[in-house]
Amino acid sequence: MTPLSAIGLSVLLHVSWNLLTRRTPSEANFLWWIVGLYVLVFAPFTLPDFVHAAEQSPVLYICAAISGTTNGLYFLALRRAYSMAPASVVYPIVRSSPLFIAIVETLFFGLSFPLLSWFAIMVAAVGLWLIATSAHDSTSRLSRAWPYALFAAFMTALYSMSDKVAASNMQGLNAALGYVCVNFAISWVFLSLEQKMSDRRWAPGTMPSILSLIIGTFGVGTAYALVIYSMRWLPAAYAVALTNAGIVLSVLLGVAWLKEYEGWRQRITGACLVVAGLIVVSNGILVQRV
């Protein structure tokens, strides 16, 4: 599987579980269910591969601990932001994280990005902002949620850098899936503590539909593992930026399928800017590989 095909499959899986999150009542705490179920379902088959890789490169244990903690904080910030503004407002801001990642990779990992790539990442960020502010009352809602959204974006940058280090020490998708199991096991502790503090119970009182749980369980961790797998060959900023194709697909599905017509012209304009940025990034990757 090539890095770009892994990203493409990841986008489809990511969109599937994100759309289900938007359609599931907040009291069901969809993330709590699918993150926990992912660990239960995938760990027996993939954890041995991760352990084998970690025996050869113990740094993987450190990476999993860092990513699991920052992922847990990311989930908490995301849920907090969602309680103040809709996902269609919050999530595009969170997905501006490639800009943070590129800065960290430049300052601390010695990578050098072409000026055109910086411009493409900036253009995509502007597009994401247009998508986030497309509703008539989005600015007022975002005024309360943006600190949590930006914190989630920063946590994305941190766990992406940890994942990049892990990717260089793993071979094969199965080891990446096992790595995500360890990562998500730590994150699920954070989700459970938040669930207990918010509802005074360890498990949500409402259960999502079985079909939603099946799709979400398979999609949430597999999509993440595919991005980590692609980081073995791609800079983390490029890998995460390309997954923003999912935002574009979500916008199109939101307008065409969910009938989300409010501010649709601005959202489509923002989606076009994101696509333009992703085309430039993809072209840069293909040129480098040639």
Protein backbone atom coordinates (compact mmCIF):
# COMPACT_ATOMS: atom_id res chain seq x y z
CA MET A 1 0.00 0.00 0.00
CA THR A 2 1.41 3.38 -1.02
CA PRO A 3 1.39 6.34 1.41
CA LEU A 4 -1.16 8.25 -0.69
CA SER A 5 -3.50 5.26 -0.99
CA ALA A 6 -3.26 4.76 2.78
CA ILE A 7 -4.22 8.43 3.27
CA GLY A 8 -7.11 8.05 0.81
CA LEU A 9 -8.55 5.05 2.66
CA SER A 10 -8.00 6.84 5.96
CA VAL A 11 -10.04 9.81 4.73
CA LEU A 12 -13.01 7.61 3.82
CA LEU A 13 -12.95 5.87 7.19
CA HIS A 14 -12.47 9.15 9.04
CA VAL A 15 -15.44 10.76 7.31
CA SER A 16 -17.66 7.77 8.09
CA TRP A 17 -17.16 7.86 11.84
CA ASN A 18 -17.18 11.67 12.00
CA LEU A 19 -20.54 11.85 10.23
CA LEU A 20 -21.88 9.28 12.68
CA THR A 21 -20.59 11.41 15.56
CA ARG A 22 -22.56 14.36 14.22
CA ARG A 23 -25.72 12.22 13.96
CA THR A 24 -25.41 10.58 17.39
CA PRO A 25 -26.89 12.30 20.49
CA SER A 26 -24.19 13.84 22.68
CA GLU A 27 -25.41 11.95 25.75
CA ALA A 28 -24.48 8.68 24.02
CA ASN A 29 -20.79 9.78 24.12
CA PHE A 30 -20.02 8.10 20.81
CA LEU A 31 -16.24 8.49 21.20
CA TRP A 32 -16.29 6.65 24.55
CA TRP A 33 -17.93 3.65 22.90
CA ILE A 34 -15.91 3.39 19.71
CA VAL A 35 -12.48 4.13 21.22
CA GLY A 36 -13.02 1.50 23.93
CA LEU A 37 -14.47 -1.05 21.51
CA TYR A 38 -11.60 -0.53 19.08
CA VAL A 39 -9.14 -1.58 21.79
CA LEU A 40 -11.21 -4.63 22.74
CA VAL A 41 -11.68 -5.80 19.14
CA PHE A 42 -8.26 -5.07 17.63
CA ALA A 43 -5.85 -5.63 20.54
CA PRO A 44 -5.91 -9.47 20.44
CA PHE A 45 -4.85 -9.47 16.77
CA THR A 46 -2.49 -6.50 16.54
CA LEU A 47 -0.92 -5.97 19.96
CA PRO A 48 1.65 -8.81 19.52
CA ASP A 49 3.01 -7.05 16.41
CA PHE A 50 3.40 -3.81 18.34
CA VAL A 51 5.08 -5.54 21.28
CA HIS A 52 7.50 -7.26 18.90
CA ALA A 53 8.37 -3.91 17.30
CA ALA A 54 8.71 -2.25 20.72
CA GLU A 55 11.12 -4.97 21.90
CA GLN A 56 13.42 -3.91 19.08
CA SER A 57 12.73 -0.17 19.53
CA PRO A 58 11.68 0.61 23.13
CA VAL A 59 11.11 4.24 22.15
CA LEU A 60 7.74 3.02 20.85
CA TYR A 61 6.51 2.64 24.43
CA ILE A 62 7.38 6.28 25.10
CA CYS A 63 5.70 7.38 21.87
CA ALA A 64 2.54 5.44 22.73
CA ALA A 65 2.44 7.01 26.20
CA ILE A 66 2.89 10.53 24.80
CA SER A 67 0.37 10.05 22.01
CA GLY A 68 -2.13 8.34 24.31
CA THR A 69 -1.98 11.21 26.81
CA THR A 70 -2.17 13.99 24.22
CA ASN A 71 -4.90 12.12 22.35
CA GLY A 72 -6.87 11.87 25.58
CA LEU A 73 -6.52 15.62 26.14
CA TYR A 74 -7.49 16.16 22.49
CA PHE A 75 -10.69 14.15 22.95
CA LEU A 76 -11.58 16.08 26.11
CA ALA A 77 -10.98 19.45 24.46
CA LEU A 78 -12.97 18.37 21.42
CA ARG A 79 -15.96 17.26 23.50
CA ARG A 80 -15.82 20.51 25.48
CA ALA A 81 -15.75 22.56 22.28
CA TYR A 82 -18.64 20.52 20.86
CA SER A 83 -20.72 21.40 23.93
CA MET A 84 -20.36 25.10 23.02
CA ALA A 85 -20.60 24.98 19.22
CA PRO A 86 -21.59 22.46 16.53
CA ALA A 87 -19.01 20.10 15.08
CA SER A 88 -19.35 21.88 11.72
CA VAL A 89 -18.02 25.03 13.41
CA VAL A 90 -15.40 23.50 15.70
CA TYR A 91 -13.83 20.69 13.71
CA PRO A 92 -12.47 22.74 10.77
CA ILE A 93 -10.58 24.92 13.27
CA VAL A 94 -9.14 21.81 14.92
CA ARG A 95 -8.02 20.55 11.52
CA SER A 96 -5.80 23.61 11.00
CA SER A 97 -3.20 21.61 12.94
CA PRO A 98 -0.91 20.98 9.89
CA LEU A 99 0.30 24.57 10.28
CA PHE A 100 1.40 23.84 13.88
CA ILE A 101 2.92 20.51 12.82
CA ALA A 102 4.96 22.09 10.02
CA ILE A 103 6.33 24.69 12.45
CA VAL A 104 7.31 22.00 14.98
CA GLU A 105 8.91 19.81 12.30
CA THR A 106 10.91 22.79 11.05
CA LEU A 107 12.06 24.02 14.47
CA PHE A 108 12.72 20.72 16.25
CA PHE A 109 13.13 18.04 13.57
CA GLY A 110 15.22 19.97 11.06
CA LEU A 111 12.83 19.49 8.13
CA SER A 112 12.68 22.12 5.42
CA PHE A 113 9.43 22.71 3.53
CA PRO A 114 9.33 24.50 0.16
CA LEU A 115 7.80 27.96 0.19
CA LEU A 116 5.00 26.66 -2.05
CA SER A 117 4.10 24.04 0.54
CA TRP A 118 3.90 26.68 3.27
CA PHE A 119 1.62 28.71 1.02
CA ALA A 120 -0.56 25.65 0.31
CA ILE A 121 -0.93 24.86 4.02
CA MET A 122 -1.87 28.49 4.70
CA VAL A 123 -4.43 28.53 1.86
CA ALA A 124 -5.99 25.33 3.21
CA ALA A 125 -6.13 26.91 6.71
CA VAL A 126 -8.01 29.92 5.29
CA GLY A 127 -10.42 27.52 3.60
CA LEU A 128 -11.01 25.71 6.88
CA TRP A 129 -11.73 29.03 8.60
CA LEU A 130 -14.30 29.90 5.90
CA ILE A 131 -15.98 26.54 6.46
CA ALA A 132 -16.03 27.05 10.23
CA THR A 133 -17.58 30.54 10.00
CA SER A 134 -20.14 29.81 7.27
CA ALA A 135 -23.23 29.71 9.53
CA HIS A 136 -24.87 33.04 10.39
CA ASP A 137 -24.28 32.64 14.14
CA SER A 138 -21.00 30.72 13.90
CA THR A 139 -18.86 33.66 15.01
CA SER A 140 -20.70 34.04 18.32
CA ARG A 141 -20.59 30.30 18.95
CA LEU A 142 -16.93 30.09 18.02
CA SER A 143 -16.08 32.91 20.41
CA ARG A 144 -16.71 30.50 23.30
CA ALA A 145 -15.39 27.32 21.71
CA TRP A 146 -12.23 28.52 19.95
CA PRO A 147 -9.82 28.16 22.94
CA TYR A 148 -10.74 24.48 23.23
CA ALA A 149 -10.61 24.02 19.44
CA LEU A 150 -7.12 25.54 19.24
CA PHE A 151 -5.99 23.47 22.22
CA ALA A 152 -7.23 20.35 20.41
CA ALA A 153 -5.30 21.46 17.30
CA PHE A 154 -2.15 21.88 19.38
CA MET A 155 -2.63 18.43 20.92
CA THR A 156 -2.97 17.07 17.38
CA ALA A 157 0.41 18.58 16.56
CA LEU A 158 2.00 16.98 19.63
CA TYR A 159 0.66 13.48 19.11
CA SER A 160 1.37 13.69 15.38
CA MET A 161 5.04 14.38 16.09
CA SER A 162 5.15 11.48 18.53
CA ASP A 163 3.45 9.30 15.92
CA LYS A 164 6.03 10.37 13.33
CA VAL A 165 8.84 9.11 15.58
CA ALA A 166 6.89 5.89 16.16
CA ALA A 167 6.29 5.38 12.43
CA SER A 168 10.03 5.43 11.73
CA ASN A 169 10.45 2.57 14.23
CA MET A 170 7.63 0.31 12.98
CA GLN A 171 7.13 -1.75 9.87
CA GLY A 172 3.75 -2.85 8.59
CA LEU A 173 0.17 -1.77 9.19
CA ASN A 174 -0.47 -4.41 11.85
CA ALA A 175 2.14 -2.91 14.18
CA ALA A 176 0.57 0.54 13.63
CA LEU A 177 -2.85 -0.85 14.52
CA GLY A 178 -1.39 -2.32 17.71
CA TYR A 179 0.29 1.00 18.50
CA VAL A 180 -3.08 2.71 18.20
CA CYS A 181 -4.56 0.13 20.60
CA VAL A 182 -2.08 1.15 23.31
CA ASN A 183 -2.59 4.80 22.45
CA PHE A 184 -6.40 4.51 22.61
CA ALA A 185 -6.33 2.48 25.83
CA ILE A 186 -4.70 5.48 27.52
CA SER A 187 -7.06 7.93 25.80
CA TRP A 188 -10.09 5.89 26.88
CA VAL A 189 -9.10 6.42 30.52
CA PHE A 190 -9.38 10.17 29.94
CA LEU A 191 -12.75 9.72 28.23
CA SER A 192 -14.00 7.57 31.11
CA LEU A 193 -12.91 10.10 33.74
CA GLU A 194 -14.63 12.87 31.79
CA GLN A 195 -17.74 10.70 31.46
CA LYS A 196 -17.81 10.12 35.23
CA MET A 197 -17.31 13.82 36.04
CA SER A 198 -19.95 15.05 33.60
CA ASP A 199 -22.69 12.44 34.10
CA ARG A 200 -21.72 10.96 37.50
CA ARG A 201 -21.56 7.51 35.90
CA TRP A 202 -18.74 5.55 34.27
CA ALA A 203 -20.73 4.54 31.18
CA PRO A 204 -23.11 6.62 29.06
CA GLY A 205 -26.79 6.07 29.75
CA THR A 206 -27.55 5.87 26.02
CA MET A 207 -26.07 3.42 23.55
CA PRO A 208 -25.62 4.28 19.85
CA SER A 209 -27.09 1.97 17.22
CA ILE A 210 -25.27 -1.30 16.54
CA LEU A 211 -24.52 -0.32 12.95
CA SER A 212 -23.03 2.99 14.09
CA LEU A 213 -20.86 1.18 16.64
CA ILE A 214 -19.58 -1.29 14.05
CA ILE A 215 -18.68 1.43 11.54
CA GLY A 216 -17.25 3.74 14.19
CA THR A 217 -15.21 1.00 15.91
CA PHE A 218 -13.61 -0.11 12.67
CA GLY A 219 -13.14 3.41 11.34
CA VAL A 220 -11.77 5.40 14.27
CA GLY A 221 -8.59 3.43 14.93
CA THR A 222 -7.98 2.10 11.43
CA ALA A 223 -8.11 5.60 9.93
CA TYR A 224 -5.59 6.78 12.52
CA ALA A 225 -3.27 3.80 11.98
CA LEU A 226 -3.25 4.37 8.22
CA VAL A 227 -2.06 7.95 8.74
CA ILE A 228 0.71 6.73 11.05
CA TYR A 229 1.64 4.07 8.47
CA SER A 230 1.97 6.79 5.80
CA MET A 231 4.23 8.87 8.10
CA ARG A 232 6.98 6.33 7.56
CA TRP A 233 7.50 8.01 4.19
CA LEU A 234 5.81 11.42 4.51
CA PRO A 235 6.41 14.40 6.81
CA ALA A 236 3.73 14.50 9.49
CA ALA A 237 2.52 17.92 8.27
CA TYR A 238 1.86 16.50 4.79
CA ALA A 239 0.16 13.35 6.08
CA VAL A 240 -2.18 15.24 8.40
CA ALA A 241 -2.84 17.97 5.82
CA LEU A 242 -3.93 15.41 3.22
CA THR A 243 -6.45 13.93 5.64
CA ASN A 244 -8.26 17.27 5.47
CA ALA A 245 -9.72 15.95 2.24
CA GLY A 246 -12.20 14.42 4.69
CA ILE A 247 -13.39 17.92 5.60
CA VAL A 248 -14.08 18.60 1.93
CA LEU A 249 -16.00 15.35 1.59
CA SER A 250 -17.94 16.11 4.78
CA VAL A 251 -18.92 19.54 3.42
CA LEU A 252 -20.15 18.04 0.15
CA LEU A 253 -22.07 15.28 1.93
CA GLY A 254 -23.44 17.80 4.42
CA VAL A 255 -24.91 19.91 1.62
CA ALA A 256 -26.03 17.09 -0.67
CA TRP A 257 -27.09 14.42 1.87
CA LEU A 258 -27.75 16.11 5.23
CA LYS A 259 -29.36 19.17 3.54
CA GLU A 260 -27.14 21.62 5.44
CA TYR A 261 -27.86 24.59 3.19
CA GLU A 262 -27.09 27.43 5.60
CA GLY A 263 -23.99 29.28 4.39
CA TRP A 264 -23.37 26.62 1.77
CA ARG A 265 -21.73 29.02 -0.71
CA GLN A 266 -19.06 30.04 1.81
CA ARG A 267 -18.52 26.41 2.79
CA ILE A 268 -18.08 25.37 -0.83
CA THR A 269 -15.63 28.26 -1.36
CA GLY A 270 -13.67 27.16 1.71
CA ALA A 271 -13.69 23.56 0.50
CA CYS A 272 -12.29 24.69 -2.87
CA LEU A 273 -9.42 26.47 -1.11
CA VAL A 274 -8.69 23.34 0.93
CA VAL A 275 -8.67 21.26 -2.26
CA ALA A 276 -6.30 23.73 -3.93
CA GLY A 277 -3.91 23.48 -0.99
CA LEU A 278 -4.08 19.69 -0.98
CA ILE A 279 -3.37 19.49 -4.71
CA VAL A 280 -0.19 21.53 -4.24
CA VAL A 281 0.90 19.37 -1.29
CA SER A 282 0.16 16.14 -3.21
CA ASN A 283 2.06 17.39 -6.25
CA GLY A 284 5.03 18.22 -4.04
CA ILE A 285 4.99 14.71 -2.59
CA LEU A 286 4.87 13.10 -6.05
CA VAL A 287 7.74 15.28 -7.29
CA GLN A 288 9.85 14.37 -4.26
CA ARG A 289 9.17 10.66 -4.73
CA VAL A 290 10.16 10.85 -8.41
